[in-house]
C-alpha atoms as a PDB file:
ATOM      1  CA  MET A   1     -33.978  10.315  16.002  1.00  0.00           C
ATOM      2  CA  ALA A   2     -35.308   7.387  13.367  1.00  0.00           C
ATOM      3  CA  LYS A   3     -32.603   5.594  11.464  1.00  0.00           C
ATOM      4  CA  VAL A   4     -31.601   6.770   8.209  1.00  0.00           C
ATOM      5  CA  VAL A   5     -32.882   4.094   5.390  1.00  0.00           C
ATOM      6  CA  VAL A   6     -30.820   4.335   2.052  1.00  0.00           C
ATOM      7  CA  TYR A   7     -33.417   5.649   0.208  1.00  0.00           C
ATOM      8  CA  THR A   8     -32.352   9.638  -0.685  1.00  0.00           C
ATOM      9  CA  LEU A   9     -30.046   9.197  -3.540  1.00  0.00           C
ATOM     10  CA  LEU A  10     -31.876  11.432  -5.350  1.00  0.00           C
ATOM     11  CA  ALA A  11     -31.938  11.244  -9.577  1.00  0.00           C
ATOM     12  CA  THR A  12     -31.426  15.390 -10.229  1.00  0.00           C
ATOM     13  CA  ILE A  13     -28.272  14.617  -8.018  1.00  0.00           C
ATOM     14  CA  PHE A  14     -26.915  11.413 -10.558  1.00  0.00           C
ATOM     15  CA  ILE A  15     -28.236  13.950 -13.914  1.00  0.00           C
ATOM     16  CA  ILE A  16     -25.787  16.577 -12.767  1.00  0.00           C
ATOM     17  CA  GLY A  17     -22.884  13.848 -11.611  1.00  0.00           C
ATOM     18  CA  VAL A  18     -23.675  11.921 -15.349  1.00  0.00           C
ATOM     19  CA  LEU A  19     -23.561  15.354 -17.289  1.00  0.00           C
ATOM     20  CA  LEU A  20     -19.827  15.713 -15.280  1.00  0.00           C
ATOM     21  CA  PHE A  21     -19.023  11.990 -16.898  1.00  0.00           C
ATOM     22  CA  LEU A  22     -20.160  12.869 -20.444  1.00  0.00           C
ATOM     23  CA  THR A  23     -17.267  15.158 -21.188  1.00  0.00           C
ATOM     24  CA  PRO A  24     -13.407  14.455 -20.863  1.00  0.00           C
ATOM     25  CA  CYS A  25     -12.404  14.730 -16.991  1.00  0.00           C
ATOM     26  CA  LYS A  26      -9.403  13.975 -15.197  1.00  0.00           C
ATOM     27  CA  HIS A  27      -8.573  12.306 -12.210  1.00  0.00           C
ATOM     28  CA  ASN A  28      -9.450  14.663 -10.063  1.00  0.00           C
ATOM     29  CA  GLU A  29     -12.693  15.813 -11.591  1.00  0.00           C
ATOM     30  CA  ALA A  30     -13.480  12.013 -10.713  1.00  0.00           C
ATOM     31  CA  GLN A  31     -13.203  13.628  -7.250  1.00  0.00           C
ATOM     32  CA  SER A  32     -15.484  16.278  -7.465  1.00  0.00           C
ATOM     33  CA  VAL A  33     -18.490  13.962  -8.447  1.00  0.00           C
ATOM     34  CA  GLU A  34     -18.562  12.482  -4.946  1.00  0.00           C
ATOM     35  CA  ALA A  35     -18.139  15.743  -3.221  1.00  0.00           C
ATOM     36  CA  LEU A  36     -20.880  17.280  -5.457  1.00  0.00           C
ATOM     37  CA  ILE A  37     -23.003  14.770  -4.414  1.00  0.00           C
ATOM     38  CA  THR A  38     -21.942  14.893  -0.865  1.00  0.00           C
ATOM     39  CA  ARG A  39     -22.409  18.317  -0.586  1.00  0.00           C
ATOM     40  CA  ARG A  40     -26.170  18.240  -2.175  1.00  0.00           C
ATOM     41  CA  LEU A  41     -26.885  15.539   0.136  1.00  0.00           C
ATOM     42  CA  GLY A  42     -25.258  16.536   3.435  1.00  0.00           C
ATOM     43  CA  ARG A  43     -23.976  13.017   3.922  1.00  0.00           C
ATOM     44  CA  ARG A  44     -21.383  10.928   2.059  1.00  0.00           C
ATOM     45  CA  LEU A  45     -22.203   8.075  -0.394  1.00  0.00           C
ATOM     46  CA  VAL A  46     -21.042   4.518  -0.362  1.00  0.00           C
ATOM     47  CA  MET A  47     -18.975   4.924  -3.247  1.00  0.00           C
ATOM     48  CA  PRO A  48     -19.013   1.915  -6.102  1.00  0.00           C
ATOM     49  CA  VAL A  49     -15.147  -0.107  -5.105  1.00  0.00           C
ATOM     50  CA  PHE A  50     -13.409  -1.791  -8.032  1.00  0.00           C
ATOM     51  CA  ASP A  51     -11.116  -4.228  -6.351  1.00  0.00           C
ATOM     52  CA  PRO A  52     -12.709  -6.441  -3.570  1.00  0.00           C
ATOM     53  CA  ILE A  53      -9.603  -6.482  -1.583  1.00  0.00           C
ATOM     54  CA  VAL A  54      -9.741  -2.461  -0.966  1.00  0.00           C
ATOM     55  CA  THR A  55     -13.240  -3.434   0.407  1.00  0.00           C
ATOM     56  CA  ARG A  56     -11.563  -5.874   2.998  1.00  0.00           C
ATOM     57  CA  ILE A  57      -8.612  -3.261   4.213  1.00  0.00           C
ATOM     58  CA  GLU A  58     -11.657  -1.173   4.666  1.00  0.00           C
ATOM     59  CA  ARG A  59     -13.534  -3.389   6.665  1.00  0.00           C
ATOM     60  CA  LEU A  60     -10.843  -4.280   8.863  1.00  0.00           C
ATOM     61  CA  SER A  61      -9.544  -0.986   9.667  1.00  0.00           C
ATOM     62  CA  ARG A  62     -12.991  -0.656  10.866  1.00  0.00           C
ATOM     63  CA  GLU A  63     -12.875  -3.260  13.181  1.00  0.00           C
ATOM     64  CA  LYS A  64      -9.490  -2.821  14.021  1.00  0.00           C
ATOM     65  CA  GLU A  65     -10.527   0.987  15.207  1.00  0.00           C
ATOM     66  CA  ALA A  66     -13.405  -1.084  17.432  1.00  0.00           C
ATOM     67  CA  ASN A  67     -10.783  -3.107  19.022  1.00  0.00           C
ATOM     68  CA  THR A  68     -12.404  -6.821  17.635  1.00  0.00           C
ATOM     69  CA  VAL A  69     -10.287  -9.666  18.291  1.00  0.00           C
ATOM     70  CA  GLU A  70     -11.930 -11.320  15.194  1.00  0.00           C
ATOM     71  CA  ALA A  71     -10.186  -8.766  13.136  1.00  0.00           C
ATOM     72  CA  VAL A  72      -6.382  -9.306  14.415  1.00  0.00           C
ATOM     73  CA  ALA A  73      -7.329 -12.434  13.660  1.00  0.00           C
ATOM     74  CA  LYS A  74      -8.476 -12.488  10.184  1.00  0.00           C
ATOM     75  CA  GLU A  75      -5.431 -10.368   9.214  1.00  0.00           C
ATOM     76  CA  GLU A  76      -3.262 -12.806  10.244  1.00  0.00           C
ATOM     77  CA  LYS A  77      -4.599 -15.724   8.532  1.00  0.00           C
ATOM     78  CA  ASP A  78      -5.730 -13.676   5.448  1.00  0.00           C
ATOM     79  CA  ASP A  79      -2.468 -14.904   3.068  1.00  0.00           C
ATOM     80  CA  MET A  80      -4.050 -12.561   0.152  1.00  0.00           C
ATOM     81  CA  PHE A  81      -2.274  -9.485   2.544  1.00  0.00           C
ATOM     82  CA  ASP A  82       0.983 -11.529   2.109  1.00  0.00           C
ATOM     83  CA  GLU A  83       0.602 -11.957  -1.712  1.00  0.00           C
ATOM     84  CA  TYR A  84      -0.005  -8.129  -2.799  1.00  0.00           C
ATOM     85  CA  PHE A  85       1.215  -6.292  -0.077  1.00  0.00           C
ATOM     86  CA  SER A  86       4.737  -5.220   0.230  1.00  0.00           C
ATOM     87  CA  GLN A  87       6.732  -4.877   3.365  1.00  0.00           C
ATOM     88  CA  GLU A  88       5.623  -1.569   3.653  1.00  0.00           C
ATOM     89  CA  LYS A  89       2.153  -2.730   3.832  1.00  0.00           C
ATOM     90  CA  ARG A  90       1.827  -0.927   0.415  1.00  0.00           C
ATOM     91  CA  LEU A  91      -0.943  -2.311  -2.064  1.00  0.00           C
ATOM     92  CA  ASN A  92       0.755  -3.510  -5.756  1.00  0.00           C
ATOM     93  CA  THR A  93      -2.532  -2.654  -7.769  1.00  0.00           C
ATOM     94  CA  THR A  94      -0.478  -3.501 -10.733  1.00  0.00           C
ATOM     95  CA  MET A  95       0.015  -7.145  -9.706  1.00  0.00           C
ATOM     96  CA  ARG A  96      -4.282  -6.808  -8.388  1.00  0.00           C
ATOM     97  CA  ILE A  97      -5.049  -5.214 -11.817  1.00  0.00           C
ATOM     98  CA  LYS A  98      -3.085  -8.521 -13.519  1.00  0.00           C
ATOM     99  CA  PHE A  99      -5.133 -10.549 -11.342  1.00  0.00           C
ATOM    100  CA  LEU A 100      -8.422  -9.524 -11.870  1.00  0.00           C
ATOM    101  CA  PHE A 101      -8.316  -8.846 -15.318  1.00  0.00           C
ATOM    102  CA  PRO A 102      -9.241 -12.180 -16.252  1.00  0.00           C
ATOM    103  CA  LEU A 103     -11.966 -12.247 -13.897  1.00  0.00           C
ATOM    104  CA  LEU A 104     -13.412  -9.396 -15.228  1.00  0.00           C
ATOM    105  CA  ASP A 105     -12.920 -11.072 -18.683  1.00  0.00           C
ATOM    106  CA  GLY A 106     -15.938 -13.637 -18.759  1.00  0.00           C
ATOM    107  CA  ALA A 107     -18.627 -12.768 -21.373  1.00  0.00           C
ATOM    108  CA  PRO A 108     -16.743 -13.676 -23.416  1.00  0.00           C
ATOM    109  CA  ARG A 109     -13.443 -14.373 -22.656  1.00  0.00           C
ATOM    110  CA  ASP A 110     -12.121 -12.413 -25.536  1.00  0.00           C
ATOM    111  CA  GLY A 111      -8.596 -10.752 -23.589  1.00  0.00           C
ATOM    112  CA  PHE A 112     -10.876  -7.493 -23.009  1.00  0.00           C
ATOM    113  CA  VAL A 113     -12.880  -6.045 -20.628  1.00  0.00           C
ATOM    114  CA  SER A 114     -16.567  -5.041 -22.335  1.00  0.00           C
ATOM    115  CA  LEU A 115     -18.505  -2.259 -20.674  1.00  0.00           C
ATOM    116  CA  LYS A 116     -21.178  -4.964 -19.636  1.00  0.00           C
ATOM    117  CA  GLU A 117     -18.740  -6.531 -17.994  1.00  0.00           C
ATOM    118  CA  LEU A 118     -17.250  -3.642 -16.165  1.00  0.00           C
ATOM    119  CA  GLN A 119     -20.653  -2.871 -14.759  1.00  0.00           C
ATOM    120  CA  THR A 120     -21.368  -6.659 -13.893  1.00  0.00           C
ATOM    121  CA  TRP A 121     -18.200  -6.682 -12.106  1.00  0.00           C
ATOM    122  CA  MET A 122     -19.029  -3.442 -10.148  1.00  0.00           C
ATOM    123  CA  MET A 123     -22.786  -4.202  -9.599  1.00  0.00           C
ATOM    124  CA  GLN A 124     -21.478  -7.672  -7.671  1.00  0.00           C
ATOM    125  CA  GLN A 125     -19.265  -6.114  -6.069  1.00  0.00           C
ATOM    126  CA  THR A 126     -21.851  -3.456  -4.980  1.00  0.00           C
ATOM    127  CA  GLU A 127     -24.534  -5.515  -3.585  1.00  0.00           C
ATOM    128  CA  ASP A 128     -21.663  -7.730  -1.690  1.00  0.00           C
ATOM    129  CA  ASN A 129     -20.961  -4.750   0.229  1.00  0.00           C
ATOM    130  CA  MET A 130     -24.515  -3.913   0.688  1.00  0.00           C
ATOM    131  CA  GLY A 131     -25.199  -7.272   1.663  1.00  0.00           C
ATOM    132  CA  TYR A 132     -22.171  -7.252   4.516  1.00  0.00           C
ATOM    133  CA  ARG A 133     -23.298  -3.724   5.739  1.00  0.00           C
ATOM    134  CA  THR A 134     -27.108  -5.373   6.223  1.00  0.00           C
ATOM    135  CA  ALA A 135     -25.885  -8.246   7.903  1.00  0.00           C
ATOM    136  CA  ASN A 136     -23.964  -6.127  10.482  1.00  0.00           C
ATOM    137  CA  GLU A 137     -26.658  -3.937  10.889  1.00  0.00           C
ATOM    138  CA  LEU A 138     -29.505  -6.765  11.726  1.00  0.00           C
ATOM    139  CA  GLU A 139     -26.272  -8.131  14.399  1.00  0.00           C
ATOM    140  CA  LEU A 140     -26.588  -5.089  16.049  1.00  0.00           C
ATOM    141  CA  GLN A 141     -30.181  -4.458  16.041  1.00  0.00           C
ATOM    142  CA  ASP A 142     -31.248  -7.815  16.477  1.00  0.00           C
ATOM    143  CA  LYS A 143     -31.788  -7.714  20.656  1.00  0.00           C
ATOM    144  CA  ASP A 144     -32.954 -11.304  21.096  1.00  0.00           C
ATOM    145  CA  LYS A 145     -30.613 -12.706  18.436  1.00  0.00           C
ATOM    146  CA  ASP A 146     -32.811 -14.747  16.528  1.00  0.00           C
ATOM    147  CA  GLY A 147     -31.696 -13.931  13.019  1.00  0.00           C
ATOM    148  CA  VAL A 148     -34.538 -11.499  12.489  1.00  0.00           C
ATOM    149  CA  ILE A 149     -35.872  -8.349  13.295  1.00  0.00           C
ATOM    150  CA  THR A 150     -38.895  -6.884  14.349  1.00  0.00           C
ATOM    151  CA  PHE A 151     -40.226  -3.283  13.841  1.00  0.00           C
ATOM    152  CA  GLU A 152     -40.387  -2.739  17.744  1.00  0.00           C
ATOM    153  CA  GLU A 153     -36.126  -3.812  17.575  1.00  0.00           C
ATOM    154  CA  TYR A 154     -35.137  -1.428  14.498  1.00  0.00           C
ATOM    155  CA  LEU A 155     -37.256   1.557  16.137  1.00  0.00           C
ATOM    156  CA  PRO A 156     -37.948   1.196  19.855  1.00  0.00           C
ATOM    157  CA  GLN A 157     -38.024   5.212  20.002  1.00  0.00           C
ATOM    158  CA  PHE A 158     -41.687   4.304  18.653  1.00  0.00           C
ATOM    159  CA  SER A 159     -44.322   3.875  21.047  1.00  0.00           C
ATOM    160  CA  ARG A 160     -47.136   1.558  20.804  1.00  0.00           C
ATOM    161  CA  GLU A 161     -49.183   4.555  21.333  1.00  0.00           C
ATOM    162  CA  ASP A 162     -47.353   6.368  18.318  1.00  0.00           C
ATOM    163  CA  ILE A 163     -47.996   2.600  16.450  1.00  0.00           C
ATOM    164  CA  GLU A 164     -51.322   2.524  16.971  1.00  0.00           C
ATOM    165  CA  LYS A 165     -51.815   6.174  15.819  1.00  0.00           C
ATOM    166  CA  ASN A 166     -50.266   5.282  12.525  1.00  0.00           C
ATOM    167  CA  GLU A 167     -48.818   8.738  11.577  1.00  0.00           C
ATOM    168  CA  LYS A 168     -47.863   8.621   7.993  1.00  0.00           C
ATOM    169  CA  SER A 169     -46.199  11.810   7.299  1.00  0.00           C
ATOM    170  CA  HIS A 170     -42.527  11.399   6.270  1.00  0.00           C
ATOM    171  CA  GLY A 171     -40.501   9.957   9.305  1.00  0.00           C
ATOM    172  CA  GLY A 172     -43.248   8.822  11.225  1.00  0.00           C
ATOM    173  CA  ALA A 173     -44.622   5.505  12.674  1.00  0.00           C
ATOM    174  CA  GLY A 174     -47.147   4.539  10.198  1.00  0.00           C
ATOM    175  CA  TRP A 175     -44.666   5.750   7.279  1.00  0.00           C
ATOM    176  CA  TRP A 176     -41.754   3.302   9.142  1.00  0.00           C
ATOM    177  CA  MET A 177     -44.538   1.133   9.195  1.00  0.00           C
ATOM    178  CA  GLU A 178     -45.731   0.914   5.672  1.00  0.00           C
ATOM    179  CA  GLN A 179     -42.210   0.717   4.494  1.00  0.00           C
ATOM    180  CA  PHE A 180     -41.392  -2.159   6.667  1.00  0.00           C
ATOM    181  CA  LYS A 181     -44.813  -4.162   5.753  1.00  0.00           C
ATOM    182  CA  ASN A 182     -43.633  -3.450   2.362  1.00  0.00           C
ATOM    183  CA  ALA A 183     -40.324  -5.245   2.969  1.00  0.00           C
ATOM    184  CA  ASP A 184     -42.017  -8.357   5.168  1.00  0.00           C
ATOM    185  CA  PHE A 185     -42.412 -10.400   1.730  1.00  0.00           C
ATOM    186  CA  ASP A 186     -44.218 -13.313   3.649  1.00  0.00           C
ATOM    187  CA  HIS A 187     -46.094 -11.521   5.984  1.00  0.00           C
ATOM    188  CA  ASN A 188     -44.934 -12.817   8.917  1.00  0.00           C
ATOM    189  CA  GLY A 189     -44.574  -9.429  11.508  1.00  0.00           C
ATOM    190  CA  TYR A 190     -40.673  -9.861  11.117  1.00  0.00           C
ATOM    191  CA  LEU A 191     -38.134  -9.245   8.506  1.00  0.00           C
ATOM    192  CA  ASP A 192     -35.401 -12.114   7.384  1.00  0.00           C
ATOM    193  CA  ILE A 193     -32.003 -10.449   5.831  1.00  0.00           C
ATOM    194  CA  GLU A 194     -32.788 -10.756   2.743  1.00  0.00           C
ATOM    195  CA  GLU A 195     -36.060  -8.961   3.515  1.00  0.00           C
ATOM    196  CA  PHE A 196     -34.249  -6.607   5.780  1.00  0.00           C
ATOM    197  CA  ASN A 197     -31.817  -5.432   3.016  1.00  0.00           C
ATOM    198  CA  ASN A 198     -34.859  -4.949   0.789  1.00  0.00           C
ATOM    199  CA  PHE A 199     -35.622  -2.349   3.665  1.00  0.00           C
ATOM    200  CA  LEU A 200     -32.154  -0.646   3.944  1.00  0.00           C
ATOM    201  CA  HIS A 201     -31.761  -0.572   0.266  1.00  0.00           C
ATOM    202  CA  PRO A 202     -35.361   0.276  -1.608  1.00  0.00           C
ATOM    203  CA  GLU A 203     -34.290   1.819  -4.530  1.00  0.00           C
ATOM    204  CA  ASP A 204     -32.249  -1.471  -5.206  1.00  0.00           C
ATOM    205  CA  SER A 205     -35.115  -4.014  -4.161  1.00  0.00           C
ATOM    206  CA  ARG A 206     -36.818  -6.170  -6.285  1.00  0.00           C
ATOM    207  CA  ASN A 207     -39.811  -6.269  -4.089  1.00  0.00           C
ATOM    208  CA  GLY A 208     -42.890  -4.932  -6.164  1.00  0.00           C
ATOM    209  CA  ASP A 209     -44.436  -3.703  -2.957  1.00  0.00           C
ATOM    210  CA  VAL A 210     -41.340  -1.829  -2.409  1.00  0.00           C
ATOM    211  CA  GLN A 211     -40.968  -0.278  -5.622  1.00  0.00           C
ATOM    212  CA  ARG A 212     -44.205   1.055  -5.927  1.00  0.00           C
ATOM    213  CA  TRP A 213     -43.602   2.591  -2.187  1.00  0.00           C
ATOM    214  CA  VAL A 214     -40.547   4.467  -3.644  1.00  0.00           C
ATOM    215  CA  LEU A 215     -42.285   5.443  -6.665  1.00  0.00           C
ATOM    216  CA  ARG A 216     -45.272   6.627  -4.181  1.00  0.00           C
ATOM    217  CA  GLU A 217     -42.413   8.681  -2.658  1.00  0.00           C
ATOM    218  CA  ARG A 218     -40.578  10.223  -5.881  1.00  0.00           C
ATOM    219  CA  MET A 219     -44.356  10.923  -7.009  1.00  0.00           C
ATOM    220  CA  THR A 220     -44.820  13.501  -3.915  1.00  0.00           C
ATOM    221  CA  GLY A 221     -42.608  15.944  -5.639  1.00  0.00           C
ATOM    222  CA  MET A 222     -44.126  15.538  -9.177  1.00  0.00           C
ATOM    223  CA  ASP A 223     -48.097  15.278  -8.947  1.00  0.00           C
ATOM    224  CA  THR A 224     -48.596  18.847  -8.643  1.00  0.00           C
ATOM    225  CA  ASN A 225     -52.113  18.352  -8.460  1.00  0.00           C
ATOM    226  CA  GLY A 226     -51.974  16.260  -6.054  1.00  0.00           C
ATOM    227  CA  ASP A 227     -53.839  13.742  -7.387  1.00  0.00           C
ATOM    228  CA  GLY A 228     -51.981  10.514  -7.128  1.00  0.00           C
ATOM    229  CA  LYS A 229     -50.886  10.405 -10.662  1.00  0.00           C
ATOM    230  CA  LEU A 230     -49.178  11.900 -13.283  1.00  0.00           C
ATOM    231  CA  GLU A 231     -50.537  13.694 -16.169  1.00  0.00           C
ATOM    232  CA  TYR A 232     -48.764  14.350 -19.517  1.00  0.00           C
ATOM    233  CA  LYS A 233     -47.628  17.497 -18.482  1.00  0.00           C
ATOM    234  CA  GLU A 234     -46.390  16.457 -15.335  1.00  0.00           C
ATOM    235  CA  PHE A 235     -44.524  13.389 -16.086  1.00  0.00           C
ATOM    236  CA  VAL A 236     -42.835  15.612 -19.168  1.00  0.00           C
ATOM    237  CA  GLN A 237     -41.673  18.502 -16.399  1.00  0.00           C
ATOM    238  CA  ASN A 238     -40.728  16.041 -14.010  1.00  0.00           C
ATOM    239  CA  ALA A 239     -40.018  12.475 -14.711  1.00  0.00           C
ATOM    240  CA  TYR A 240     -38.841  12.490 -18.334  1.00  0.00           C
ATOM    241  CA  VAL A 241     -36.484  15.206 -17.663  1.00  0.00           C
ATOM    242  CA  MET A 242     -34.334  12.589 -15.474  1.00  0.00           C
ATOM    243  CA  TYR A 243     -35.363   9.937 -17.784  1.00  0.00           C
ATOM    244  CA  LYS A 244     -33.609  11.618 -20.339  1.00  0.00           C
ATOM    245  CA  GLU A 245     -30.411  12.036 -19.009  1.00  0.00           C
ATOM    246  CA  PHE A 246     -29.780   8.885 -18.125  1.00  0.00           C
ATOM    247  CA  ALA A 247     -30.813   7.296 -21.487  1.00  0.00           C
ATOM    248  CA  LYS A 248     -28.669   9.800 -23.157  1.00  0.00           C
ATOM    249  CA  PHE A 249     -25.913   8.479 -20.949  1.00  0.00           C
ATOM    250  CA  GLU A 250     -26.963   5.097 -21.605  1.00  0.00           C
ATOM    251  CA  THR A 251     -27.270   5.072 -25.305  1.00  0.00           C
ATOM    252  CA  GLU A 252     -24.557   8.067 -26.072  1.00  0.00           C
ATOM    253  CA  GLU A 253     -26.991   9.207 -28.793  1.00  0.00           C
ATOM    254  CA  ASP A 254     -29.956  11.703 -28.660  1.00  0.00           C
ATOM    255  CA  GLU A 255     -32.018   9.901 -31.389  1.00  0.00           C
ATOM    256  CA  ASN A 256     -31.975   6.611 -29.389  1.00  0.00           C
ATOM    257  CA  VAL A 257     -33.844   8.189 -26.581  1.00  0.00           C
ATOM    258  CA  PRO A 258     -37.683   7.469 -26.871  1.00  0.00           C
ATOM    259  CA  THR A 259     -39.648  10.837 -27.066  1.00  0.00           C
ATOM    260  CA  ALA A 260     -41.743  11.913 -24.121  1.00  0.00           C
ATOM    261  CA  GLN A 261     -44.751  10.707 -26.391  1.00  0.00           C
ATOM    262  CA  LEU A 262     -43.850   7.529 -27.226  1.00  0.00           C
ATOM    263  CA  LEU A 263     -42.644   6.827 -23.357  1.00  0.00           C
ATOM    264  CA  PHE A 264     -45.424   8.059 -22.087  1.00  0.00           C
ATOM    265  CA  ALA A 265     -47.672   6.163 -24.142  1.00  0.00           C
ATOM    266  CA  GLU A 266     -45.854   2.650 -23.632  1.00  0.00           C
ATOM    267  CA  LEU A 267     -45.811   3.262 -19.836  1.00  0.00           C
ATOM    268  CA  ASP A 268     -49.484   3.977 -19.540  1.00  0.00           C
ATOM    269  CA  ARG A 269     -50.846   0.317 -20.114  1.00  0.00           C
ATOM    270  CA  ASP A 270     -54.628   0.742 -19.108  1.00  0.00           C
ATOM    271  CA  LYS A 271     -54.668   3.872 -21.611  1.00  0.00           C
ATOM    272  CA  ASP A 272     -56.178   5.868 -19.306  1.00  0.00           C
ATOM    273  CA  ARG A 273     -53.349   8.936 -20.143  1.00  0.00           C
ATOM    274  CA  PHE A 274     -52.396   8.877 -16.452  1.00  0.00           C
ATOM    275  CA  LEU A 275     -49.147   7.514 -15.120  1.00  0.00           C
ATOM    276  CA  VAL A 276     -49.792   5.747 -11.617  1.00  0.00           C
ATOM    277  CA  ALA A 277     -46.575   4.287  -9.620  1.00  0.00           C
ATOM    278  CA  ASP A 278     -46.828   0.735 -10.769  1.00  0.00           C
ATOM    279  CA  GLU A 279     -46.834   1.999 -14.337  1.00  0.00           C
ATOM    280  CA  LEU A 280     -43.652   3.689 -13.569  1.00  0.00           C
ATOM    281  CA  ARG A 281     -41.825   0.359 -12.281  1.00  0.00           C
ATOM    282  CA  PRO A 282     -39.771   0.165 -15.651  1.00  0.00           C
ATOM    283  CA  ILE A 283     -38.293   3.157 -15.085  1.00  0.00           C
ATOM    284  CA  LEU A 284     -37.729   3.223 -11.579  1.00  0.00           C
ATOM    285  CA  HIS A 285     -34.067   3.460 -11.477  1.00  0.00           C
ATOM    286  CA  TYR A 286     -34.221   6.685 -13.757  1.00  0.00           C
ATOM    287  CA  LEU A 287     -35.849   8.296 -11.132  1.00  0.00           C
ATOM    288  CA  GLN A 288     -34.858   6.892  -8.009  1.00  0.00           C
ATOM    289  CA  PRO A 289     -31.174   5.560  -8.512  1.00  0.00           C
ATOM    290  CA  GLY A 290     -29.712   3.184  -5.620  1.00  0.00           C
ATOM    291  CA  GLU A 291     -26.530   2.065  -4.622  1.00  0.00           C
ATOM    292  CA  LEU A 292     -26.311  -0.312  -7.811  1.00  0.00           C
ATOM    293  CA  SER A 293     -27.468   1.922 -10.199  1.00  0.00           C
ATOM    294  CA  TYR A 294     -24.975   4.194  -9.430  1.00  0.00           C
ATOM    295  CA  ALA A 295     -22.201   1.151  -9.837  1.00  0.00           C
ATOM    296  CA  LYS A 296     -23.069   0.865 -13.083  1.00  0.00           C
ATOM    297  CA  TYR A 297     -23.008   4.869 -14.232  1.00  0.00           C
ATOM    298  CA  TYR A 298     -19.523   4.944 -12.553  1.00  0.00           C
ATOM    299  CA  SER A 299     -18.578   1.828 -14.290  1.00  0.00           C
ATOM    300  CA  THR A 300     -19.456   3.948 -17.300  1.00  0.00           C
ATOM    301  CA  PHE A 301     -16.867   6.520 -16.552  1.00  0.00           C
ATOM    302  CA  LEU A 302     -14.058   4.482 -15.424  1.00  0.00           C
ATOM    303  CA  CYS A 303     -14.366   3.026 -18.631  1.00  0.00           C
ATOM    304  CA  HIS A 304     -14.468   6.071 -20.339  1.00  0.00           C
ATOM    305  CA  GLU A 305     -11.038   7.449 -18.673  1.00  0.00           C
ATOM    306  CA  ALA A 306      -9.394   3.967 -19.295  1.00  0.00           C
ATOM    307  CA  ASP A 307     -10.549   3.625 -22.850  1.00  0.00           C
ATOM    308  CA  GLU A 308      -7.414   5.134 -24.694  1.00  0.00           C
ATOM    309  CA  ASP A 309      -8.054   4.022 -28.364  1.00  0.00           C
ATOM    310  CA  LYS A 310     -12.333   4.359 -27.655  1.00  0.00           C
ATOM    311  CA  ASP A 311     -13.120   1.258 -28.947  1.00  0.00           C
ATOM    312  CA  GLY A 312     -15.705   0.570 -26.540  1.00  0.00           C
ATOM    313  CA  LYS A 313     -13.880  -2.346 -24.144  1.00  0.00           C
ATOM    314  CA  LEU A 314     -10.384  -2.295 -21.885  1.00  0.00           C
ATOM    315  CA  SER A 315      -7.186  -3.863 -22.580  1.00  0.00           C
ATOM    316  CA  LEU A 316      -4.967  -5.239 -20.023  1.00  0.00           C
ATOM    317  CA  GLU A 317      -2.435  -2.573 -20.975  1.00  0.00           C
ATOM    318  CA  GLU A 318      -5.604   0.106 -20.689  1.00  0.00           C
ATOM    319  CA  MET A 319      -6.408  -0.858 -17.243  1.00  0.00           C
ATOM    320  CA  LEU A 320      -2.814  -0.825 -15.832  1.00  0.00           C
ATOM    321  CA  ASN A 321      -2.379   2.541 -17.515  1.00  0.00           C
ATOM    322  CA  HIS A 322      -5.043   3.647 -15.475  1.00  0.00           C
ATOM    323  CA  GLU A 323      -4.568   2.668 -12.514  1.00  0.00           C
ATOM    324  CA  ASP A 324      -5.422   5.565 -10.519  1.00  0.00           C
ATOM    325  CA  VAL A 325      -8.603   5.917 -11.875  1.00  0.00           C
ATOM    326  CA  PHE A 326      -9.447   2.048 -10.765  1.00  0.00           C
ATOM    327  CA  TYR A 327      -8.124   2.756  -6.955  1.00  0.00           C
ATOM    328  CA  LYS A 328      -7.360   6.134  -5.975  1.00  0.00           C
ATOM    329  CA  ALA A 329     -10.232   7.980  -8.024  1.00  0.00           C
ATOM    330  CA  VAL A 330     -12.357   5.943  -5.534  1.00  0.00           C
ATOM    331  CA  HIS A 331     -10.730   5.667  -2.430  1.00  0.00           C
ATOM    332  CA  HIS A 332      -9.109   9.074  -2.412  1.00  0.00           C
ATOM    333  CA  GLU A 333     -10.230   9.191   1.324  1.00  0.00           C
ATOM    334  CA  ASP A 334     -11.172   5.880   2.762  1.00  0.00           C
ATOM    335  CA  LEU A 335      -7.161   5.096   2.286  1.00  0.00           C
ATOM    336  CA  ASP A 336      -4.055   6.923   2.620  1.00  0.00           C
ATOM    337  CA  GLU A 337      -2.496   6.271  -0.679  1.00  0.00           C
ATOM    338  CA  GLU A 338       1.070   6.656   0.829  1.00  0.00           C
ATOM    339  CA  ASP A 339       0.866   3.501   2.819  1.00  0.00           C
ATOM    340  CA  TYR A 340      -1.630   1.231   0.900  1.00  0.00           C
ATOM    341  CA  PHE A 341      -1.124   2.165  -2.793  1.00  0.00           C
ATOM    342  CA  ASP A 342       2.061   0.997  -4.921  1.00  0.00           C
ATOM    343  CA  HIS A 343       2.144  -0.007  -8.671  1.00  0.00           C
ATOM    344  CA  ASP A 344       5.058  -1.282 -10.669  1.00  0.00           C
ATOM    345  CA  GLU A 345       6.909   0.685 -13.305  1.00  0.00           C
ATOM    346  CA  LEU A 346       5.645  -0.533 -16.622  1.00  0.00           C
END
């Protein structure tokens, strides 16, 4: 079976999640967002992580389950665990938020965490986590340990005959090869770690060829007449519906969202009254959100939940009053709350 590349974070699923975020919700509703997406996709997504120490806990847990000597050594040498964990091995989330707050409050350093600052932080944590997973996958699949991945190393189930047949239907050897070649930026026949990251996370890639491939795949469900491009009617009925929901969520005002006609005209660079994949690149992350997009929108949810006075920014007191939003709501299943989380009474 072909290894699953993370490119199926369907925009419609995110729209439903966004609609849930637009209304005031409680802690258990934050959990239902993950459950909803999981049910629809048939697999669990990698949820955004607020605190990097939580990520380290998860990584150590997985490595210890694999009985790796390195994991034990890491835990023994990590002074951070001694500083932020009680003798009962419970993470003091109050102390962690106090430590992290000045790191988030960076531009400008005004004693508050703005939505933009929180989004930047969350997206950076997500990008770091993606890089970590990519490095692990490369190490696992790099059979000759030369630091790069060939097509045959990552997808050994395809024979030379399969590759020559170049079957381009979804999941065929030709379909995978096209994406591999798109990610191979320098066209040398193998992927270094950055190129491999683009291959595994195409929705978050900055590679133009990968972006166009993602959009061509996305357009197959929108291009009703099968001519390889979107006419205005197809754009309105499919792409614009997705775009509008995200744009409304970002601006919180319907009147600030461009009309379908205005957006279509803006995207239609050659003015031929059709949109091809390359012309849709400016709205790629509305049509096919990846992990970074999810982190951005989840940041908006976190800010919405913790912003008590609704001034669009978070004080330290507000974040401390809503510790469970930043910790339990995001990792309610990954870590045992009784074993790992603790907070000071304010």
